[in-house]
Amino acid sequence: MSSLHSALVVLVAVCVAVFLVAWIAGALYFGLKSAAGPQDWARGLRRSLPRRILLIAGVYAFSLLVGHFRGFWRHLQYWQPELAVLGGLLAVASTGLLLWARWVLGTMWASVPTVREHHELRTDGPYRLVRHPIYTGLLGLTAGAMLACGFGVWTAALAVVVPWLLARVRTEDALMAGRFGPAYDAYRARVPALMPWTRAAGAGRRPAGSHR
């Protein structure tokens, strides 16, 4: 069992690394490819810098807090082979969803909730299943890591990620509805926010804005 546990821990680490590398590379690639041009992309980065710094500071503070109570998380360790394998599969599938959604969104992606010019609502690919597939992927990757690695500190990560993602969903839905009105309301009525197949999704595509 220890060898399986080690293999799954490595698998989760690879998934996280692939996600981070692809995200950085995607930001550079699509930023330079943007129709608005690299200068507009750079201006957007500067405008969102305070929120990026706040997010990074929050992640750093969380890691310090978690590390301070390292002994406590060992009491929450629970590793069960069937759950762990399921978690590994979920982590891989969620990483694939993240990459797929990021590619489909392309130059319309932004790291913070925002509406820009020339954005359109994507209803193809993963956006046929959920309105925010990137957030679904992040949630799945965190939950999969928790199962694969035996709960512990990943329990705290999931407890933080869930309310954060729900807040982001509410913020982005409000931005989209405010900018695109009935068109986004119709899309929101058809397609669930995070969990696929919790509501029947109708066919059709409507113009709107970027989202995750």
N, C-alpha and C. Protein backbone atom coordinates (compact mmCIF):
# COMPACT_ATOMS: atom_id res chain seq x y z
N MET A 1 0.82 -1.20 0.00
CA MET A 1 0.00 0.00 0.00
C MET A 1 0.86 1.27 0.00
N SER A 2 2.01 1.22 0.66
CA SER A 2 2.86 2.40 0.73
C SER A 2 3.35 2.81 -0.65
N SER A 3 3.64 1.82 -1.50
CA SER A 3 4.09 2.15 -2.85
C SER A 3 2.98 2.80 -3.66
N LEU A 4 1.74 2.33 -3.48
CA LEU A 4 0.61 2.95 -4.16
C LEU A 4 0.41 4.38 -3.67
N HIS A 5 0.52 4.57 -2.37
CA HIS A 5 0.38 5.91 -1.81
C HIS A 5 1.44 6.85 -2.37
N SER A 6 2.68 6.39 -2.42
CA SER A 6 3.76 7.22 -2.96
C SER A 6 3.53 7.56 -4.42
N ALA A 7 3.06 6.58 -5.19
CA ALA A 7 2.80 6.80 -6.61
C ALA A 7 1.69 7.84 -6.80
N LEU A 8 0.67 7.77 -5.97
CA LEU A 8 -0.43 8.72 -6.11
C LEU A 8 -0.02 10.13 -5.66
N VAL A 9 0.82 10.21 -4.66
CA VAL A 9 1.34 11.52 -4.24
C VAL A 9 2.13 12.16 -5.38
N VAL A 10 2.95 11.35 -6.05
CA VAL A 10 3.72 11.85 -7.20
C VAL A 10 2.77 12.27 -8.32
N LEU A 11 1.73 11.47 -8.55
CA LEU A 11 0.76 11.78 -9.60
C LEU A 11 0.09 13.14 -9.33
N VAL A 12 -0.30 13.36 -8.09
CA VAL A 12 -0.93 14.64 -7.73
C VAL A 12 0.06 15.79 -7.94
N ALA A 13 1.31 15.58 -7.53
CA ALA A 13 2.33 16.63 -7.71
C ALA A 13 2.53 16.95 -9.18
N VAL A 14 2.51 15.93 -10.03
CA VAL A 14 2.66 16.14 -11.48
C VAL A 14 1.46 16.93 -12.02
N CYS A 15 0.25 16.58 -11.56
CA CYS A 15 -0.94 17.29 -12.01
C CYS A 15 -0.86 18.77 -11.63
N VAL A 16 -0.46 19.05 -10.40
CA VAL A 16 -0.34 20.44 -9.96
C VAL A 16 0.72 21.18 -10.76
N ALA A 17 1.86 20.51 -11.01
CA ALA A 17 2.94 21.13 -11.77
C ALA A 17 2.50 21.41 -13.21
N VAL A 18 1.81 20.46 -13.83
CA VAL A 18 1.33 20.65 -15.20
C VAL A 18 0.36 21.83 -15.25
N PHE A 19 -0.52 21.89 -14.28
CA PHE A 19 -1.48 22.99 -14.22
C PHE A 19 -0.76 24.35 -14.11
N LEU A 20 0.21 24.45 -13.21
CA LEU A 20 0.91 25.73 -13.01
C LEU A 20 1.72 26.14 -14.24
N VAL A 21 2.46 25.19 -14.80
CA VAL A 21 3.28 25.49 -15.97
C VAL A 21 2.40 25.88 -17.16
N ALA A 22 1.33 25.13 -17.37
CA ALA A 22 0.44 25.43 -18.49
C ALA A 22 -0.23 26.79 -18.31
N TRP A 23 -0.54 27.14 -17.07
CA TRP A 23 -1.20 28.42 -16.83
C TRP A 23 -0.27 29.59 -17.12
N ILE A 24 0.98 29.48 -16.69
CA ILE A 24 1.94 30.54 -16.94
C ILE A 24 2.22 30.65 -18.44
N ALA A 25 2.44 29.49 -19.08
CA ALA A 25 2.70 29.50 -20.52
C ALA A 25 1.50 30.03 -21.29
N GLY A 26 0.29 29.63 -20.86
CA GLY A 26 -0.92 30.09 -21.53
C GLY A 26 -1.12 31.60 -21.39
N ALA A 27 -0.81 32.13 -20.20
CA ALA A 27 -0.95 33.57 -19.99
C ALA A 27 -0.03 34.34 -20.93
N LEU A 28 1.19 33.86 -21.08
CA LEU A 28 2.14 34.52 -21.98
C LEU A 28 1.73 34.37 -23.44
N TYR A 29 1.41 33.15 -23.83
CA TYR A 29 1.07 32.88 -25.23
C TYR A 29 -0.17 33.65 -25.67
N PHE A 30 -1.26 33.52 -24.92
CA PHE A 30 -2.50 34.17 -25.32
C PHE A 30 -2.44 35.68 -25.10
N GLY A 31 -1.62 36.10 -24.12
CA GLY A 31 -1.45 37.54 -23.92
C GLY A 31 -0.80 38.20 -25.12
N LEU A 32 0.22 37.56 -25.67
CA LEU A 32 0.90 38.09 -26.85
C LEU A 32 0.06 37.95 -28.11
N LYS A 33 -0.81 36.94 -28.11
CA LYS A 33 -1.65 36.67 -29.29
C LYS A 33 -2.93 37.50 -29.29
N SER A 34 -3.21 38.19 -28.18
CA SER A 34 -4.46 38.92 -28.04
C SER A 34 -4.64 39.94 -29.16
N ALA A 35 -5.89 40.10 -29.61
CA ALA A 35 -6.19 41.05 -30.69
C ALA A 35 -5.91 42.48 -30.26
N ALA A 36 -6.00 42.74 -28.96
CA ALA A 36 -5.74 44.08 -28.45
C ALA A 36 -4.26 44.41 -28.41
N GLY A 37 -3.41 43.37 -28.54
CA GLY A 37 -1.98 43.59 -28.58
C GLY A 37 -1.30 43.42 -27.23
N PRO A 38 0.01 43.17 -27.26
CA PRO A 38 0.77 42.95 -26.02
C PRO A 38 0.72 44.13 -25.05
N GLN A 39 0.66 45.35 -25.58
CA GLN A 39 0.64 46.51 -24.69
C GLN A 39 -0.64 46.56 -23.86
N ASP A 40 -1.77 46.25 -24.49
CA ASP A 40 -3.02 46.22 -23.76
C ASP A 40 -3.00 45.11 -22.72
N TRP A 41 -2.41 43.97 -23.09
CA TRP A 41 -2.28 42.85 -22.15
C TRP A 41 -1.43 43.26 -20.95
N ALA A 42 -0.33 43.97 -21.21
CA ALA A 42 0.53 44.43 -20.12
C ALA A 42 -0.20 45.43 -19.22
N ARG A 43 -1.01 46.30 -19.82
CA ARG A 43 -1.78 47.25 -19.02
C ARG A 43 -2.79 46.52 -18.15
N GLY A 44 -3.39 45.47 -18.71
CA GLY A 44 -4.33 44.68 -17.92
C GLY A 44 -3.65 44.01 -16.74
N LEU A 45 -2.42 43.53 -16.96
CA LEU A 45 -1.66 42.93 -15.86
C LEU A 45 -1.38 43.95 -14.76
N ARG A 46 -1.03 45.15 -15.16
CA ARG A 46 -0.76 46.20 -14.16
C ARG A 46 -2.01 46.56 -13.38
N ARG A 47 -3.15 46.65 -14.08
CA ARG A 47 -4.39 47.01 -13.39
C ARG A 47 -4.80 45.96 -12.37
N SER A 48 -4.56 44.69 -12.70
CA SER A 48 -4.98 43.62 -11.80
C SER A 48 -3.89 43.23 -10.80
N LEU A 49 -2.75 43.93 -10.84
CA LEU A 49 -1.63 43.57 -9.97
C LEU A 49 -1.99 43.57 -8.49
N PRO A 50 -2.71 44.59 -7.98
CA PRO A 50 -3.05 44.55 -6.54
C PRO A 50 -3.82 43.30 -6.13
N ARG A 51 -4.76 42.89 -6.97
CA ARG A 51 -5.54 41.69 -6.64
C ARG A 51 -4.69 40.43 -6.76
N ARG A 52 -3.77 40.43 -7.70
CA ARG A 52 -2.86 39.28 -7.81
C ARG A 52 -1.97 39.18 -6.57
N ILE A 53 -1.46 40.31 -6.14
CA ILE A 53 -0.61 40.33 -4.96
C ILE A 53 -1.39 39.86 -3.74
N LEU A 54 -2.64 40.33 -3.63
CA LEU A 54 -3.48 39.91 -2.50
C LEU A 54 -3.70 38.41 -2.51
N LEU A 55 -3.93 37.85 -3.70
CA LEU A 55 -4.14 36.41 -3.80
C LEU A 55 -2.88 35.64 -3.41
N ILE A 56 -1.74 36.08 -3.92
CA ILE A 56 -0.47 35.42 -3.59
C ILE A 56 -0.19 35.51 -2.09
N ALA A 57 -0.45 36.70 -1.51
CA ALA A 57 -0.24 36.87 -0.07
C ALA A 57 -1.16 35.96 0.73
N GLY A 58 -2.40 35.78 0.26
CA GLY A 58 -3.32 34.89 0.94
C GLY A 58 -2.86 33.45 0.90
N VAL A 59 -2.37 33.01 -0.27
CA VAL A 59 -1.85 31.64 -0.39
C VAL A 59 -0.64 31.44 0.52
N TYR A 60 0.23 32.45 0.56
CA TYR A 60 1.42 32.36 1.40
C TYR A 60 1.04 32.30 2.89
N ALA A 61 0.09 33.15 3.29
CA ALA A 61 -0.36 33.15 4.69
C ALA A 61 -1.00 31.81 5.05
N PHE A 62 -1.76 31.25 4.11
CA PHE A 62 -2.38 29.95 4.36
C PHE A 62 -1.33 28.86 4.54
N SER A 63 -0.29 28.89 3.70
CA SER A 63 0.76 27.88 3.81
C SER A 63 1.51 28.00 5.14
N LEU A 64 1.73 29.23 5.60
CA LEU A 64 2.39 29.42 6.90
C LEU A 64 1.51 28.90 8.03
N LEU A 65 0.23 29.19 7.97
CA LEU A 65 -0.69 28.74 9.01
C LEU A 65 -0.79 27.22 9.05
N VAL A 66 -0.88 26.62 7.87
CA VAL A 66 -0.94 25.17 7.79
C VAL A 66 0.34 24.54 8.33
N GLY A 67 1.48 25.11 7.95
CA GLY A 67 2.75 24.57 8.43
C GLY A 67 2.92 24.69 9.93
N HIS A 68 2.35 25.73 10.52
CA HIS A 68 2.46 25.93 11.97
C HIS A 68 1.74 24.83 12.74
N PHE A 69 0.67 24.29 12.16
CA PHE A 69 -0.11 23.24 12.82
C PHE A 69 0.12 21.89 12.13
N ARG A 70 1.33 21.65 11.69
CA ARG A 70 1.66 20.43 10.95
C ARG A 70 1.26 19.17 11.72
N GLY A 71 1.49 19.17 13.03
CA GLY A 71 1.16 17.99 13.83
C GLY A 71 -0.33 17.70 13.84
N PHE A 72 -1.15 18.74 13.80
CA PHE A 72 -2.60 18.55 13.84
C PHE A 72 -3.09 17.81 12.61
N TRP A 73 -2.53 18.12 11.45
CA TRP A 73 -3.02 17.52 10.21
C TRP A 73 -2.74 16.03 10.15
N ARG A 74 -1.71 15.58 10.87
CA ARG A 74 -1.43 14.14 10.89
C ARG A 74 -2.57 13.36 11.54
N HIS A 75 -3.30 14.01 12.45
CA HIS A 75 -4.43 13.33 13.09
C HIS A 75 -5.61 13.18 12.13
N LEU A 76 -5.61 13.93 11.06
CA LEU A 76 -6.69 13.86 10.08
C LEU A 76 -6.35 12.95 8.90
N GLN A 77 -5.20 12.30 8.96
CA GLN A 77 -4.80 11.40 7.88
C GLN A 77 -5.71 10.16 7.84
N TYR A 78 -6.23 9.91 6.68
CA TYR A 78 -7.04 8.70 6.47
C TYR A 78 -6.84 8.28 5.03
N TRP A 79 -6.11 7.20 4.84
CA TRP A 79 -5.81 6.76 3.47
C TRP A 79 -6.45 5.41 3.23
N GLN A 80 -7.27 5.34 2.22
CA GLN A 80 -7.96 4.10 1.87
C GLN A 80 -7.74 3.87 0.37
N PRO A 81 -7.22 2.69 -0.01
CA PRO A 81 -6.79 2.47 -1.41
C PRO A 81 -7.84 2.80 -2.46
N GLU A 82 -9.09 2.34 -2.27
CA GLU A 82 -10.11 2.59 -3.28
C GLU A 82 -10.39 4.09 -3.42
N LEU A 83 -10.50 4.77 -2.31
CA LEU A 83 -10.71 6.22 -2.35
C LEU A 83 -9.51 6.92 -2.98
N ALA A 84 -8.32 6.44 -2.66
CA ALA A 84 -7.10 7.07 -3.17
C ALA A 84 -7.01 6.94 -4.68
N VAL A 85 -7.30 5.77 -5.21
CA VAL A 85 -7.26 5.57 -6.66
C VAL A 85 -8.31 6.45 -7.33
N LEU A 86 -9.51 6.51 -6.75
CA LEU A 86 -10.55 7.38 -7.27
C LEU A 86 -10.08 8.84 -7.27
N GLY A 87 -9.41 9.23 -6.19
CA GLY A 87 -8.89 10.59 -6.11
C GLY A 87 -7.84 10.87 -7.17
N GLY A 88 -6.98 9.90 -7.42
CA GLY A 88 -5.97 10.07 -8.47
C GLY A 88 -6.60 10.26 -9.83
N LEU A 89 -7.62 9.45 -10.13
CA LEU A 89 -8.32 9.59 -11.41
C LEU A 89 -9.02 10.94 -11.51
N LEU A 90 -9.60 11.38 -10.39
CA LEU A 90 -10.26 12.68 -10.37
C LEU A 90 -9.26 13.81 -10.60
N ALA A 91 -8.09 13.71 -10.01
CA ALA A 91 -7.05 14.73 -10.19
C ALA A 91 -6.61 14.81 -11.65
N VAL A 92 -6.42 13.66 -12.28
CA VAL A 92 -6.01 13.64 -13.69
C VAL A 92 -7.11 14.22 -14.58
N ALA A 93 -8.35 13.77 -14.35
CA ALA A 93 -9.47 14.28 -15.15
C ALA A 93 -9.65 15.78 -14.97
N SER A 94 -9.50 16.25 -13.74
CA SER A 94 -9.67 17.68 -13.47
C SER A 94 -8.56 18.50 -14.12
N THR A 95 -7.35 17.97 -14.13
CA THR A 95 -6.25 18.66 -14.81
C THR A 95 -6.54 18.77 -16.30
N GLY A 96 -7.04 17.68 -16.87
CA GLY A 96 -7.42 17.72 -18.28
C GLY A 96 -8.50 18.75 -18.56
N LEU A 97 -9.49 18.84 -17.65
CA LEU A 97 -10.55 19.82 -17.81
C LEU A 97 -10.00 21.25 -17.72
N LEU A 98 -9.08 21.47 -16.79
CA LEU A 98 -8.46 22.79 -16.66
C LEU A 98 -7.76 23.22 -17.94
N LEU A 99 -6.97 22.32 -18.50
CA LEU A 99 -6.24 22.63 -19.72
C LEU A 99 -7.18 22.84 -20.91
N TRP A 100 -8.19 22.01 -20.99
CA TRP A 100 -9.18 22.11 -22.07
C TRP A 100 -9.90 23.46 -22.00
N ALA A 101 -10.39 23.80 -20.80
CA ALA A 101 -11.13 25.06 -20.64
C ALA A 101 -10.23 26.27 -20.90
N ARG A 102 -8.99 26.19 -20.44
CA ARG A 102 -8.06 27.31 -20.65
C ARG A 102 -7.81 27.52 -22.14
N TRP A 103 -7.66 26.43 -22.88
CA TRP A 103 -7.39 26.54 -24.31
C TRP A 103 -8.61 27.09 -25.04
N VAL A 104 -9.79 26.61 -24.69
CA VAL A 104 -11.01 27.07 -25.35
C VAL A 104 -11.25 28.55 -25.07
N LEU A 105 -10.98 28.99 -23.84
CA LEU A 105 -11.20 30.39 -23.49
C LEU A 105 -10.18 31.29 -24.17
N GLY A 106 -8.96 30.81 -24.35
CA GLY A 106 -7.94 31.52 -25.12
C GLY A 106 -7.64 32.91 -24.61
N THR A 107 -7.69 33.89 -25.52
CA THR A 107 -7.30 35.25 -25.17
C THR A 107 -8.31 35.95 -24.28
N MET A 108 -9.47 35.35 -24.07
CA MET A 108 -10.48 35.99 -23.24
C MET A 108 -10.29 35.71 -21.75
N TRP A 109 -9.33 34.86 -21.42
CA TRP A 109 -9.12 34.51 -20.01
C TRP A 109 -8.49 35.68 -19.26
N ALA A 110 -8.87 35.81 -17.99
CA ALA A 110 -8.26 36.76 -17.09
C ALA A 110 -8.15 36.11 -15.71
N SER A 111 -7.09 36.40 -14.98
CA SER A 111 -6.86 35.74 -13.70
C SER A 111 -7.77 36.27 -12.60
N VAL A 112 -8.37 37.44 -12.83
CA VAL A 112 -9.31 38.01 -11.87
C VAL A 112 -10.62 38.28 -12.60
N PRO A 113 -11.77 38.21 -11.92
CA PRO A 113 -13.05 38.43 -12.58
C PRO A 113 -13.11 39.79 -13.24
N THR A 114 -13.35 39.81 -14.54
CA THR A 114 -13.42 41.07 -15.28
C THR A 114 -14.14 40.85 -16.60
N VAL A 115 -14.64 41.93 -17.17
CA VAL A 115 -15.26 41.91 -18.50
C VAL A 115 -14.49 42.87 -19.38
N ARG A 116 -14.01 42.39 -20.52
CA ARG A 116 -13.26 43.22 -21.44
C ARG A 116 -13.99 43.37 -22.77
N GLU A 117 -13.47 44.26 -23.60
CA GLU A 117 -14.05 44.41 -24.93
C GLU A 117 -13.71 43.18 -25.78
N HIS A 118 -14.57 42.92 -26.76
CA HIS A 118 -14.34 41.85 -27.75
C HIS A 118 -14.42 40.45 -27.12
N HIS A 119 -14.96 40.34 -25.92
CA HIS A 119 -15.13 39.02 -25.33
C HIS A 119 -16.48 38.44 -25.75
N GLU A 120 -16.51 37.14 -25.80
CA GLU A 120 -17.76 36.47 -26.13
C GLU A 120 -17.92 35.26 -25.22
N LEU A 121 -19.14 34.88 -25.02
CA LEU A 121 -19.43 33.72 -24.18
C LEU A 121 -19.10 32.45 -24.95
N ARG A 122 -18.30 31.60 -24.37
CA ARG A 122 -18.01 30.32 -25.00
C ARG A 122 -19.02 29.30 -24.51
N THR A 123 -19.74 28.70 -25.42
CA THR A 123 -20.69 27.65 -25.07
C THR A 123 -20.29 26.31 -25.69
N ASP A 124 -19.10 26.27 -26.29
CA ASP A 124 -18.61 25.01 -26.85
C ASP A 124 -17.67 24.34 -25.86
N GLY A 125 -17.21 23.15 -26.20
CA GLY A 125 -16.27 22.44 -25.34
C GLY A 125 -16.81 22.25 -23.93
N PRO A 126 -15.99 22.49 -22.92
CA PRO A 126 -16.43 22.28 -21.54
C PRO A 126 -17.50 23.26 -21.09
N TYR A 127 -17.65 24.37 -21.82
CA TYR A 127 -18.66 25.36 -21.46
C TYR A 127 -20.07 24.91 -21.81
N ARG A 128 -20.19 23.78 -22.49
CA ARG A 128 -21.51 23.18 -22.68
C ARG A 128 -21.96 22.46 -21.42
N LEU A 129 -21.01 22.09 -20.57
CA LEU A 129 -21.32 21.30 -19.37
C LEU A 129 -21.50 22.16 -18.13
N VAL A 130 -20.61 23.13 -17.96
CA VAL A 130 -20.68 24.03 -16.80
C VAL A 130 -20.29 25.43 -17.24
N ARG A 131 -20.76 26.43 -16.50
CA ARG A 131 -20.43 27.81 -16.86
C ARG A 131 -19.01 28.19 -16.47
N HIS A 132 -18.47 27.52 -15.47
CA HIS A 132 -17.14 27.86 -14.96
C HIS A 132 -16.27 26.60 -14.87
N PRO A 133 -15.91 26.00 -16.02
CA PRO A 133 -15.16 24.75 -15.98
C PRO A 133 -13.77 24.86 -15.35
N ILE A 134 -13.16 26.05 -15.41
CA ILE A 134 -11.86 26.21 -14.75
C ILE A 134 -12.01 26.06 -13.25
N TYR A 135 -13.07 26.64 -12.71
CA TYR A 135 -13.30 26.49 -11.27
C TYR A 135 -13.69 25.06 -10.92
N THR A 136 -14.45 24.42 -11.81
CA THR A 136 -14.78 23.00 -11.60
C THR A 136 -13.50 22.17 -11.56
N GLY A 137 -12.56 22.48 -12.47
CA GLY A 137 -11.29 21.76 -12.49
C GLY A 137 -10.48 21.98 -11.24
N LEU A 138 -10.43 23.21 -10.75
CA LEU A 138 -9.70 23.49 -9.51
C LEU A 138 -10.31 22.75 -8.34
N LEU A 139 -11.63 22.73 -8.28
CA LEU A 139 -12.31 22.02 -7.20
C LEU A 139 -12.03 20.52 -7.29
N GLY A 140 -12.11 19.97 -8.49
CA GLY A 140 -11.85 18.55 -8.67
C GLY A 140 -10.41 18.17 -8.37
N LEU A 141 -9.46 19.03 -8.76
CA LEU A 141 -8.05 18.76 -8.50
C LEU A 141 -7.78 18.75 -6.99
N THR A 142 -8.36 19.70 -6.27
CA THR A 142 -8.16 19.76 -4.82
C THR A 142 -8.81 18.57 -4.13
N ALA A 143 -10.05 18.24 -4.51
CA ALA A 143 -10.73 17.09 -3.91
C ALA A 143 -10.01 15.79 -4.25
N GLY A 144 -9.55 15.66 -5.50
CA GLY A 144 -8.83 14.47 -5.89
C GLY A 144 -7.53 14.31 -5.12
N ALA A 145 -6.81 15.42 -4.94
CA ALA A 145 -5.58 15.38 -4.16
C ALA A 145 -5.85 14.98 -2.72
N MET A 146 -6.93 15.46 -2.15
CA MET A 146 -7.28 15.11 -0.78
C MET A 146 -7.51 13.60 -0.64
N LEU A 147 -8.25 13.02 -1.57
CA LEU A 147 -8.52 11.59 -1.52
C LEU A 147 -7.26 10.77 -1.79
N ALA A 148 -6.49 11.19 -2.79
CA ALA A 148 -5.30 10.43 -3.19
C ALA A 148 -4.22 10.46 -2.13
N CYS A 149 -4.07 11.59 -1.45
CA CYS A 149 -2.98 11.75 -0.48
C CYS A 149 -3.38 11.41 0.95
N GLY A 150 -4.67 11.09 1.16
CA GLY A 150 -5.08 10.68 2.49
C GLY A 150 -5.55 11.82 3.38
N PHE A 151 -6.32 12.73 2.83
CA PHE A 151 -6.91 13.84 3.57
C PHE A 151 -5.82 14.71 4.18
N GLY A 152 -5.67 14.78 5.51
CA GLY A 152 -4.63 15.60 6.13
C GLY A 152 -4.77 17.06 5.75
N VAL A 153 -3.65 17.68 5.33
CA VAL A 153 -3.63 19.11 5.05
C VAL A 153 -4.51 19.47 3.85
N TRP A 154 -4.75 18.52 2.96
CA TRP A 154 -5.61 18.80 1.82
C TRP A 154 -7.04 19.08 2.25
N THR A 155 -7.42 18.61 3.45
CA THR A 155 -8.75 18.93 3.98
C THR A 155 -8.88 20.43 4.19
N ALA A 156 -7.84 21.04 4.74
CA ALA A 156 -7.83 22.49 4.94
C ALA A 156 -7.87 23.22 3.60
N ALA A 157 -7.12 22.70 2.62
CA ALA A 157 -7.11 23.33 1.30
C ALA A 157 -8.50 23.32 0.68
N LEU A 158 -9.19 22.19 0.80
CA LEU A 158 -10.54 22.10 0.23
C LEU A 158 -11.50 23.04 0.97
N ALA A 159 -11.34 23.14 2.29
CA ALA A 159 -12.21 24.02 3.08
C ALA A 159 -12.04 25.49 2.69
N VAL A 160 -10.87 25.85 2.21
CA VAL A 160 -10.62 27.22 1.76
C VAL A 160 -11.05 27.40 0.31
N VAL A 161 -10.78 26.42 -0.53
CA VAL A 161 -11.05 26.52 -1.96
C VAL A 161 -12.55 26.62 -2.25
N VAL A 162 -13.36 25.83 -1.54
CA VAL A 162 -14.80 25.81 -1.84
C VAL A 162 -15.46 27.18 -1.67
N PRO A 163 -15.35 27.84 -0.50
CA PRO A 163 -15.99 29.17 -0.39
C PRO A 163 -15.38 30.21 -1.32
N TRP A 164 -14.06 30.10 -1.57
CA TRP A 164 -13.41 31.04 -2.49
C TRP A 164 -13.97 30.91 -3.89
N LEU A 165 -14.13 29.67 -4.37
CA LEU A 165 -14.66 29.45 -5.70
C LEU A 165 -16.12 29.88 -5.79
N LEU A 166 -16.91 29.59 -4.76
CA LEU A 166 -18.31 30.01 -4.78
C LEU A 166 -18.44 31.52 -4.84
N ALA A 167 -17.55 32.22 -4.12
CA ALA A 167 -17.57 33.69 -4.17
C ALA A 167 -17.19 34.18 -5.55
N ARG A 168 -16.20 33.54 -6.18
CA ARG A 168 -15.80 33.94 -7.53
C ARG A 168 -16.93 33.69 -8.54
N VAL A 169 -17.64 32.57 -8.37
CA VAL A 169 -18.76 32.28 -9.27
C VAL A 169 -19.82 33.36 -9.15
N ARG A 170 -20.18 33.75 -7.93
CA ARG A 170 -21.19 34.80 -7.74
C ARG A 170 -20.73 36.12 -8.36
N THR A 171 -19.45 36.45 -8.17
CA THR A 171 -18.92 37.70 -8.72
C THR A 171 -18.97 37.69 -10.24
N GLU A 172 -18.52 36.60 -10.84
CA GLU A 172 -18.48 36.54 -12.30
C GLU A 172 -19.88 36.47 -12.91
N ASP A 173 -20.79 35.74 -12.26
CA ASP A 173 -22.15 35.70 -12.77
C ASP A 173 -22.78 37.10 -12.74
N ALA A 174 -22.50 37.85 -11.68
CA ALA A 174 -23.04 39.21 -11.59
C ALA A 174 -22.44 40.10 -12.68
N LEU A 175 -21.13 39.98 -12.93
CA LEU A 175 -20.49 40.77 -13.98
C LEU A 175 -21.08 40.44 -15.34
N MET A 176 -21.23 39.16 -15.63
CA MET A 176 -21.76 38.75 -16.93
C MET A 176 -23.21 39.19 -17.11
N ALA A 177 -24.00 39.03 -16.06
CA ALA A 177 -25.41 39.41 -16.16
C ALA A 177 -25.54 40.93 -16.32
N GLY A 178 -24.70 41.68 -15.62
CA GLY A 178 -24.74 43.12 -15.74
C GLY A 178 -24.31 43.62 -17.10
N ARG A 179 -23.37 42.93 -17.72
CA ARG A 179 -22.85 43.36 -19.02
C ARG A 179 -23.69 42.86 -20.18
N PHE A 180 -24.21 41.62 -20.08
CA PHE A 180 -24.86 41.01 -21.24
C PHE A 180 -26.34 40.71 -21.03
N GLY A 181 -26.85 41.01 -19.85
CA GLY A 181 -28.29 40.95 -19.60
C GLY A 181 -28.96 39.63 -19.92
N PRO A 182 -30.07 39.66 -20.67
CA PRO A 182 -30.87 38.45 -20.94
C PRO A 182 -30.08 37.33 -21.60
N ALA A 183 -29.09 37.66 -22.42
CA ALA A 183 -28.32 36.62 -23.11
C ALA A 183 -27.61 35.73 -22.10
N TYR A 184 -26.98 36.36 -21.09
CA TYR A 184 -26.30 35.55 -20.08
C TYR A 184 -27.30 34.88 -19.15
N ASP A 185 -28.41 35.55 -18.87
CA ASP A 185 -29.45 34.94 -18.03
C ASP A 185 -29.96 33.65 -18.65
N ALA A 186 -30.12 33.64 -19.97
CA ALA A 186 -30.58 32.44 -20.66
C ALA A 186 -29.55 31.33 -20.57
N TYR A 187 -28.28 31.70 -20.75
CA TYR A 187 -27.21 30.71 -20.64
C TYR A 187 -27.14 30.15 -19.21
N ARG A 188 -27.26 31.03 -18.22
CA ARG A 188 -27.20 30.60 -16.83
C ARG A 188 -28.37 29.69 -16.47
N ALA A 189 -29.52 29.93 -17.11
CA ALA A 189 -30.68 29.09 -16.85
C ALA A 189 -30.51 27.69 -17.43
N ARG A 190 -29.71 27.57 -18.50
CA ARG A 190 -29.52 26.28 -19.15
C ARG A 190 -28.40 25.45 -18.53
N VAL A 191 -27.33 26.13 -18.13
CA VAL A 191 -26.09 25.42 -17.79
C VAL A 191 -25.74 25.66 -16.32
N PRO A 192 -25.45 24.58 -15.58
CA PRO A 192 -25.09 24.74 -14.16
C PRO A 192 -23.75 25.44 -13.99
N ALA A 193 -23.50 25.95 -12.80
CA ALA A 193 -22.28 26.72 -12.55
C ALA A 193 -21.05 25.84 -12.47
N LEU A 194 -21.08 24.79 -11.65
CA LEU A 194 -19.87 24.02 -11.37
C LEU A 194 -20.02 22.52 -11.56
N MET A 195 -21.19 21.97 -11.28
CA MET A 195 -21.36 20.52 -11.30
C MET A 195 -22.07 20.10 -12.57
N PRO A 196 -21.40 19.35 -13.44
CA PRO A 196 -22.04 18.93 -14.70
C PRO A 196 -23.27 18.07 -14.47
N TRP A 197 -24.19 18.19 -15.38
CA TRP A 197 -25.37 17.32 -15.42
C TRP A 197 -26.29 17.46 -14.21
N THR A 198 -26.15 18.53 -13.44
CA THR A 198 -27.10 18.74 -12.36
C THR A 198 -28.37 19.40 -12.87
N ARG A 199 -28.30 19.85 -14.14
CA ARG A 199 -29.45 20.48 -14.75
C ARG A 199 -29.31 20.26 -16.25
N ALA A 200 -30.42 20.00 -16.93
CA ALA A 200 -30.36 19.77 -18.38
C ALA A 200 -29.88 21.02 -19.09
N ALA A 201 -28.91 20.86 -19.99
CA ALA A 201 -28.37 21.99 -20.75
C ALA A 201 -28.94 21.97 -22.16
N GLY A 202 -29.55 23.07 -22.55
CA GLY A 202 -30.12 23.16 -23.88
C GLY A 202 -29.08 23.48 -24.93
N ALA A 203 -29.45 23.32 -26.17
CA ALA A 203 -28.52 23.62 -27.27
C ALA A 203 -28.57 25.10 -27.60
N GLY A 204 -27.61 25.53 -28.37
CA GLY A 204 -27.59 26.91 -28.83
C GLY A 204 -26.45 27.70 -28.24
N ARG A 205 -26.06 28.76 -28.91
CA ARG A 205 -24.98 29.63 -28.47
C ARG A 205 -25.44 31.07 -28.54
N ARG A 206 -25.03 31.85 -27.52
CA ARG A 206 -25.42 33.24 -27.48
C ARG A 206 -24.20 34.08 -27.18
N PRO A 207 -24.12 35.30 -27.70
CA PRO A 207 -22.96 36.15 -27.42
C PRO A 207 -23.01 36.68 -26.00
N ALA A 208 -21.87 36.73 -25.35
CA ALA A 208 -21.76 37.33 -24.03
C ALA A 208 -20.30 37.60 -23.75
N GLY A 209 -19.81 37.30 -22.53
CA GLY A 209 -18.45 37.68 -22.18
C GLY A 209 -17.64 36.54 -21.64
N SER A 210 -16.39 36.81 -21.25
CA SER A 210 -15.49 35.77 -20.77
C SER A 210 -15.90 35.33 -19.38
N HIS A 211 -15.56 34.13 -19.06
CA HIS A 211 -15.88 33.59 -17.76
C HIS A 211 -15.00 32.38 -17.51
N ARG A 212 -15.00 31.90 -16.27
CA ARG A 212 -14.25 30.74 -15.91
C ARG A 212 -15.19 29.74 -15.33
